[in-house]
Amino acid sequence: MIRSMTAFASGERATPWGTLGCELRSVNHRFLEVGTRLHDDLRSLEPALRERVAARLSRGKVDLVLRLRSPEGEGALRVDPTRLRELGELAIDLSSRFPGLHTEFSQLLQLPGVLQAPVADPAALQAEALSLLDAVLDEFVAAREREGAKLADAIGERLGLIDGHVATLRTLVPQIRDAQRLKLQARLADLPQPVDPGRLEQELVIWLQKLDVDEELDRLATHVGEARRVLGLREAVGRRLDFLLQEFNREANTLGSKSVDARSTAAAVDLKVLIDQIREQVQNIE
């Protein structure tokens, strides 16, 4: 199944040190480019995070965000009652010696040891972050595949239309050849001097060979089959499809340059439009 390069996924996980949040989003890019925004306690994890992402993705500009939100309730900041009691007793003792001394409660909270925050275990916190990233990556890849399925359907529909134009041109080519043969013979018949029949036939064959598009039609049909095969591969196929579209475009251009009939010219234009539409879709494929 092909994958889109555009996707988004996120997740959260509660830990003893707060709530971990992870976001992944990506847009089109020629190669894989990973940008990170990490909580200070997770900055040392950046190489491992990049390695995890690169193991699952091959193309796209990816933004990875890892946040650590301060805990609430039981995990929030707590007052050390023993330390606070000791400071209170000290304040009472000092007040008798310094009558003008006034201590605010908010000032007591600022003294070292009064407020206690959960102490993070770096190794455990990083393990939680990697586990969360793996879960978000699973969702992220699934989102890419869902979008990729839609792109495959759109491309498959246009490949079917290309197949239809190729089939139509195959039926038109003999008619066009006969019409051009009759037109050339009529023009030669109007010449004042008669033309040698053998030379006439030779020139006619050479001229019709220049208009022959059987090879181009065969190659287009082959490219359609190859594109359908590639769409079924379980790997990154964006670059392969992009290269294949160059071949599509080359054949369509040749058909247009050889066209001497309004119907084949219109078909060549339609083919180029369809190929361009497929190219737009392929730009989104990993």
Protein backbone atom coordinates (compact mmCIF):
# COMPACT_ATOMS: atom_id res chain seq x y z
CA MET A 1 0.00 0.00 0.00
CA ILE A 2 1.40 3.39 -0.95
CA ARG A 3 1.70 6.14 1.66
CA SER A 4 1.04 9.82 1.52
CA MET A 5 3.71 12.19 2.83
CA THR A 6 1.05 14.36 4.48
CA ALA A 7 -0.23 13.16 7.85
CA PHE A 8 -0.72 14.03 11.52
CA ALA A 9 -0.87 11.97 14.71
CA SER A 10 -0.62 12.69 18.42
CA GLY A 11 -0.81 10.96 21.78
CA GLU A 12 -0.38 11.46 25.51
CA ARG A 13 0.80 9.31 28.39
CA ALA A 14 0.69 9.90 32.14
CA THR A 15 3.98 9.37 33.99
CA PRO A 16 5.10 9.95 37.61
CA TRP A 17 6.86 13.11 36.36
CA GLY A 18 3.99 14.61 34.41
CA THR A 19 2.03 14.01 31.22
CA LEU A 20 4.08 13.24 28.12
CA GLY A 21 2.63 14.56 24.86
CA CYS A 22 3.86 13.62 21.38
CA GLU A 23 2.90 15.09 18.00
CA LEU A 24 4.00 14.08 14.53
CA ARG A 25 3.10 15.99 11.39
CA SER A 26 4.59 15.93 7.91
CA VAL A 27 4.38 17.55 4.50
CA ASN A 28 5.90 16.80 1.12
CA HIS A 29 9.65 16.77 0.79
CA ARG A 30 12.10 15.24 -1.62
CA PHE A 31 13.95 13.41 1.15
CA LEU A 32 13.37 12.64 4.83
CA GLU A 33 13.93 15.71 7.00
CA VAL A 34 13.11 15.50 10.71
CA GLY A 35 12.74 18.60 12.88
CA THR A 36 12.33 18.27 16.64
CA ARG A 37 10.97 20.34 19.52
CA LEU A 38 11.74 18.59 22.79
CA HIS A 39 11.30 19.22 26.51
CA ASP A 40 14.60 20.03 28.22
CA ASP A 41 14.62 16.68 30.05
CA LEU A 42 14.36 14.87 26.70
CA ARG A 43 16.93 16.72 24.60
CA SER A 44 19.56 14.01 25.07
CA LEU A 45 17.11 11.58 23.46
CA GLU A 46 17.09 13.39 20.10
CA PRO A 47 19.42 10.97 18.21
CA ALA A 48 17.34 7.97 19.31
CA LEU A 49 14.11 9.75 18.35
CA ARG A 50 15.43 10.55 14.87
CA GLU A 51 16.54 6.96 14.45
CA ARG A 52 13.07 5.68 15.37
CA VAL A 53 11.42 8.00 12.84
CA ALA A 54 13.90 7.14 10.07
CA ALA A 55 13.26 3.43 10.63
CA ARG A 56 9.56 3.89 9.77
CA LEU A 57 9.59 6.73 7.21
CA SER A 58 11.64 7.36 4.09
CA ARG A 59 10.42 10.73 2.75
CA GLY A 60 8.72 13.89 3.96
CA LYS A 61 9.43 16.94 6.10
CA VAL A 62 8.51 15.65 9.56
CA ASP A 63 8.01 17.76 12.69
CA LEU A 64 8.31 15.87 15.98
CA VAL A 65 7.17 17.51 19.23
CA LEU A 66 7.63 15.97 22.69
CA ARG A 67 6.21 17.87 25.66
CA LEU A 68 6.23 17.15 29.40
CA ARG A 69 3.39 18.87 31.23
CA SER A 70 3.78 19.45 34.97
CA PRO A 71 1.88 16.89 37.05
CA GLU A 72 -1.33 17.70 38.87
CA GLY A 73 -2.97 16.32 42.01
CA GLU A 74 -0.82 13.71 43.69
CA GLY A 75 2.08 14.32 41.38
CA ALA A 76 2.07 18.12 41.81
CA LEU A 77 4.35 20.23 43.96
CA ARG A 78 4.06 19.30 47.64
CA VAL A 79 4.96 21.12 50.83
CA ASP A 80 7.39 19.36 53.16
CA PRO A 81 5.53 19.67 56.52
CA THR A 82 8.64 18.90 58.58
CA ARG A 83 10.66 21.59 56.88
CA LEU A 84 7.80 24.08 57.15
CA ARG A 85 7.36 23.34 60.87
CA GLU A 86 11.05 23.87 61.51
CA LEU A 87 10.94 27.22 59.74
CA GLY A 88 7.82 28.22 61.71
CA GLU A 89 9.47 27.41 65.00
CA LEU A 90 12.52 29.35 63.93
CA ALA A 91 10.33 32.34 63.04
CA ILE A 92 8.67 32.24 66.47
CA ASP A 93 12.03 32.05 68.20
CA LEU A 94 13.41 34.96 66.19
CA SER A 95 10.30 37.11 66.70
CA SER A 96 11.03 37.41 70.41
CA ARG A 97 14.51 38.63 69.66
CA PHE A 98 13.53 40.79 66.68
CA PRO A 99 10.06 42.26 67.33
CA GLY A 100 10.02 44.05 63.99
CA LEU A 101 10.54 40.83 62.03
CA HIS A 102 7.56 39.78 59.85
CA THR A 103 7.56 36.61 57.73
CA GLU A 104 5.08 36.05 54.91
CA PHE A 105 3.94 32.53 54.07
CA SER A 106 4.79 33.06 50.40
CA GLN A 107 8.32 33.91 51.47
CA LEU A 108 8.58 30.64 53.39
CA LEU A 109 7.60 28.70 50.25
CA GLN A 110 10.55 30.19 48.41
CA LEU A 111 13.07 28.81 50.89
CA PRO A 112 14.98 25.70 49.79
CA GLY A 113 13.37 22.40 50.71
CA VAL A 114 9.87 23.70 51.49
CA LEU A 115 8.35 22.84 48.10
CA GLN A 116 9.17 19.45 46.65
CA ALA A 117 8.73 18.50 43.01
CA PRO A 118 8.82 14.94 41.68
CA VAL A 119 12.37 14.02 40.73
CA ALA A 120 12.54 12.61 37.22
CA ASP A 121 14.33 9.35 36.56
CA PRO A 122 16.05 10.16 33.24
CA ALA A 123 16.25 6.57 32.02
CA ALA A 124 12.65 5.77 32.92
CA LEU A 125 11.37 9.03 31.45
CA GLN A 126 13.22 8.42 28.18
CA ALA A 127 11.87 4.88 27.98
CA GLU A 128 8.34 6.25 28.37
CA ALA A 129 9.02 8.84 25.66
CA LEU A 130 10.30 6.22 23.20
CA SER A 131 7.34 3.97 23.92
CA LEU A 132 4.94 6.86 23.33
CA LEU A 133 6.71 7.76 20.09
CA ASP A 134 6.36 4.17 18.85
CA ALA A 135 2.61 4.27 19.52
CA VAL A 136 2.20 7.63 17.77
CA LEU A 137 4.33 6.40 14.85
CA ASP A 138 1.96 3.44 14.42
CA GLU A 139 -0.97 5.84 14.16
CA PHE A 140 1.02 8.19 11.94
CA VAL A 141 1.97 5.47 9.46
CA ALA A 142 -1.63 4.23 9.42
CA ALA A 143 -2.80 7.76 8.60
CA ARG A 144 -0.26 7.95 5.77
CA GLU A 145 -1.52 4.65 4.40
CA ARG A 146 -5.16 5.73 4.54
CA GLU A 147 -4.33 8.89 2.62
CA GLY A 148 -2.13 6.87 0.29
CA ALA A 149 -5.04 4.57 -0.54
CA LYS A 150 -7.04 7.61 -1.67
CA LEU A 151 -4.12 8.77 -3.82
CA ALA A 152 -3.83 5.27 -5.34
CA ASP A 153 -7.52 5.31 -6.24
CA ALA A 154 -7.18 8.72 -7.91
CA ILE A 155 -4.09 7.60 -9.84
CA GLY A 156 -5.71 4.30 -10.81
CA GLU A 157 -8.73 6.14 -12.18
CA ARG A 158 -6.52 8.29 -14.40
CA LEU A 159 -4.49 5.29 -15.54
CA GLY A 160 -7.76 3.77 -16.67
CA LEU A 161 -8.53 6.89 -18.71
CA ILE A 162 -5.06 6.73 -20.29
CA ASP A 163 -5.74 3.11 -21.21
CA GLY A 164 -8.99 4.23 -22.83
CA HIS A 165 -7.24 6.90 -24.92
CA VAL A 166 -4.61 4.39 -26.04
CA ALA A 167 -7.32 1.96 -27.13
CA THR A 168 -9.15 4.72 -29.00
CA LEU A 169 -5.97 5.80 -30.78
CA ARG A 170 -5.29 2.23 -31.86
CA THR A 171 -8.62 2.20 -33.70
CA LEU A 172 -8.03 5.68 -35.14
CA VAL A 173 -4.50 5.09 -36.48
CA PRO A 174 -5.55 2.88 -39.47
CA GLN A 175 -8.29 5.37 -40.36
CA ILE A 176 -5.84 8.27 -40.19
CA ARG A 177 -3.31 6.41 -42.35
CA ASP A 178 -5.91 5.67 -45.01
CA ALA A 179 -7.15 9.26 -44.97
CA GLN A 180 -3.59 10.61 -45.31
CA ARG A 181 -2.86 8.16 -48.13
CA LEU A 182 -5.94 9.30 -50.05
CA LYS A 183 -5.11 12.95 -49.40
CA LEU A 184 -1.55 12.54 -50.68
CA GLN A 185 -2.70 10.61 -53.75
CA ALA A 186 -5.25 13.31 -54.53
CA ARG A 187 -2.60 16.01 -54.35
CA LEU A 188 -0.21 14.05 -56.54
CA ALA A 189 -2.99 13.44 -59.05
CA ASP A 190 -3.33 17.19 -59.46
CA LEU A 191 0.31 17.55 -60.52
CA PRO A 192 0.83 18.43 -64.18
CA GLN A 193 3.36 15.64 -64.65
CA PRO A 194 2.54 12.02 -63.82
CA VAL A 195 4.44 10.44 -60.92
CA ASP A 196 6.14 7.08 -61.20
CA PRO A 197 3.91 4.60 -59.27
CA GLY A 198 6.93 2.88 -57.69
CA ARG A 199 8.40 6.19 -56.52
CA LEU A 200 4.97 7.27 -55.30
CA GLU A 201 4.58 4.14 -53.21
CA GLN A 202 8.10 4.52 -51.81
CA GLU A 203 7.54 8.13 -50.78
CA LEU A 204 4.15 7.26 -49.32
CA VAL A 205 5.65 4.48 -47.19
CA ILE A 206 8.38 6.81 -45.88
CA TRP A 207 5.85 9.51 -45.08
CA LEU A 208 3.49 7.15 -43.30
CA GLN A 209 6.37 5.70 -41.28
CA LYS A 210 7.03 9.16 -39.91
CA LEU A 211 3.43 9.24 -38.72
CA ASP A 212 3.53 5.76 -37.19
CA VAL A 213 2.71 5.81 -33.45
CA ASP A 214 2.33 2.10 -32.77
CA GLU A 215 5.52 2.01 -30.69
CA GLU A 216 4.43 4.98 -28.62
CA LEU A 217 1.05 3.38 -27.95
CA ASP A 218 2.71 0.09 -27.00
CA ARG A 219 5.06 1.87 -24.59
CA LEU A 220 2.19 3.82 -23.04
CA ALA A 221 0.30 0.58 -22.44
CA THR A 222 3.44 -0.91 -20.88
CA HIS A 223 3.89 2.14 -18.63
CA VAL A 224 0.28 1.88 -17.46
CA GLY A 225 0.84 -1.75 -16.50
CA GLU A 226 4.07 -0.91 -14.69
CA ALA A 227 2.43 1.96 -12.81
CA ARG A 228 -0.32 -0.35 -11.60
CA ARG A 229 2.27 -2.89 -10.48
CA VAL A 230 4.25 -0.25 -8.59
CA LEU A 231 1.10 0.99 -6.84
CA GLY A 232 0.72 -2.47 -5.35
CA LEU A 233 4.23 -2.61 -3.83
CA ARG A 234 4.61 -2.37 -0.04
CA GLU A 235 7.49 0.09 -0.12
CA ALA A 236 8.18 3.74 -0.86
CA VAL A 237 7.33 4.19 -4.55
CA GLY A 238 7.07 7.96 -5.00
CA ARG A 239 10.40 8.40 -6.76
CA ARG A 240 9.83 5.39 -9.00
CA LEU A 241 6.44 6.72 -10.07
CA ASP A 242 7.93 10.16 -10.65
CA PHE A 243 10.52 8.68 -13.00
CA LEU A 244 7.86 6.59 -14.75
CA LEU A 245 5.80 9.71 -15.38
CA GLN A 246 8.71 11.21 -17.29
CA GLU A 247 8.42 8.26 -19.67
CA PHE A 248 4.66 8.77 -19.90
CA ASN A 249 5.20 12.40 -20.80
CA ARG A 250 7.82 11.57 -23.44
CA GLU A 251 5.42 9.26 -25.28
CA ALA A 252 2.57 11.78 -25.09
CA ASN A 253 4.82 14.49 -26.51
CA THR A 254 5.85 12.22 -29.38
CA LEU A 255 2.21 11.41 -30.12
CA GLY A 256 1.43 15.10 -30.29
CA SER A 257 4.36 15.87 -32.58
CA LYS A 258 3.39 13.08 -35.01
CA SER A 259 -0.28 13.93 -35.06
CA VAL A 260 -1.80 15.06 -38.37
CA ASP A 261 -5.41 14.60 -37.35
CA ALA A 262 -7.54 16.69 -34.99
CA ARG A 263 -8.76 13.58 -33.17
CA SER A 264 -5.27 12.26 -32.40
CA THR A 265 -4.14 15.76 -31.43
CA ALA A 266 -7.01 16.04 -28.97
CA ALA A 267 -6.17 12.60 -27.56
CA ALA A 268 -2.52 13.60 -27.10
CA VAL A 269 -3.58 16.75 -25.24
CA ASP A 270 -5.92 14.73 -23.01
CA LEU A 271 -3.11 12.30 -22.27
CA LYS A 272 -0.80 15.13 -21.18
CA VAL A 273 -3.50 16.54 -18.92
CA LEU A 274 -4.03 13.13 -17.28
CA ILE A 275 -0.29 12.61 -16.87
CA ASP A 276 0.04 16.02 -15.23
CA GLN A 277 -2.82 15.20 -12.86
CA ILE A 278 -1.09 11.96 -11.90
CA ARG A 279 2.15 13.87 -11.33
CA GLU A 280 0.39 16.17 -8.88
CA GLN A 281 -0.82 13.13 -6.93
CA VAL A 282 2.60 11.47 -7.03
CA GLN A 283 4.20 14.55 -5.43
CA ASN A 284 2.31 13.57 -2.26
CA ILE A 285 3.50 9.94 -2.25
CA GLU A 286 6.30 8.72 -0.01
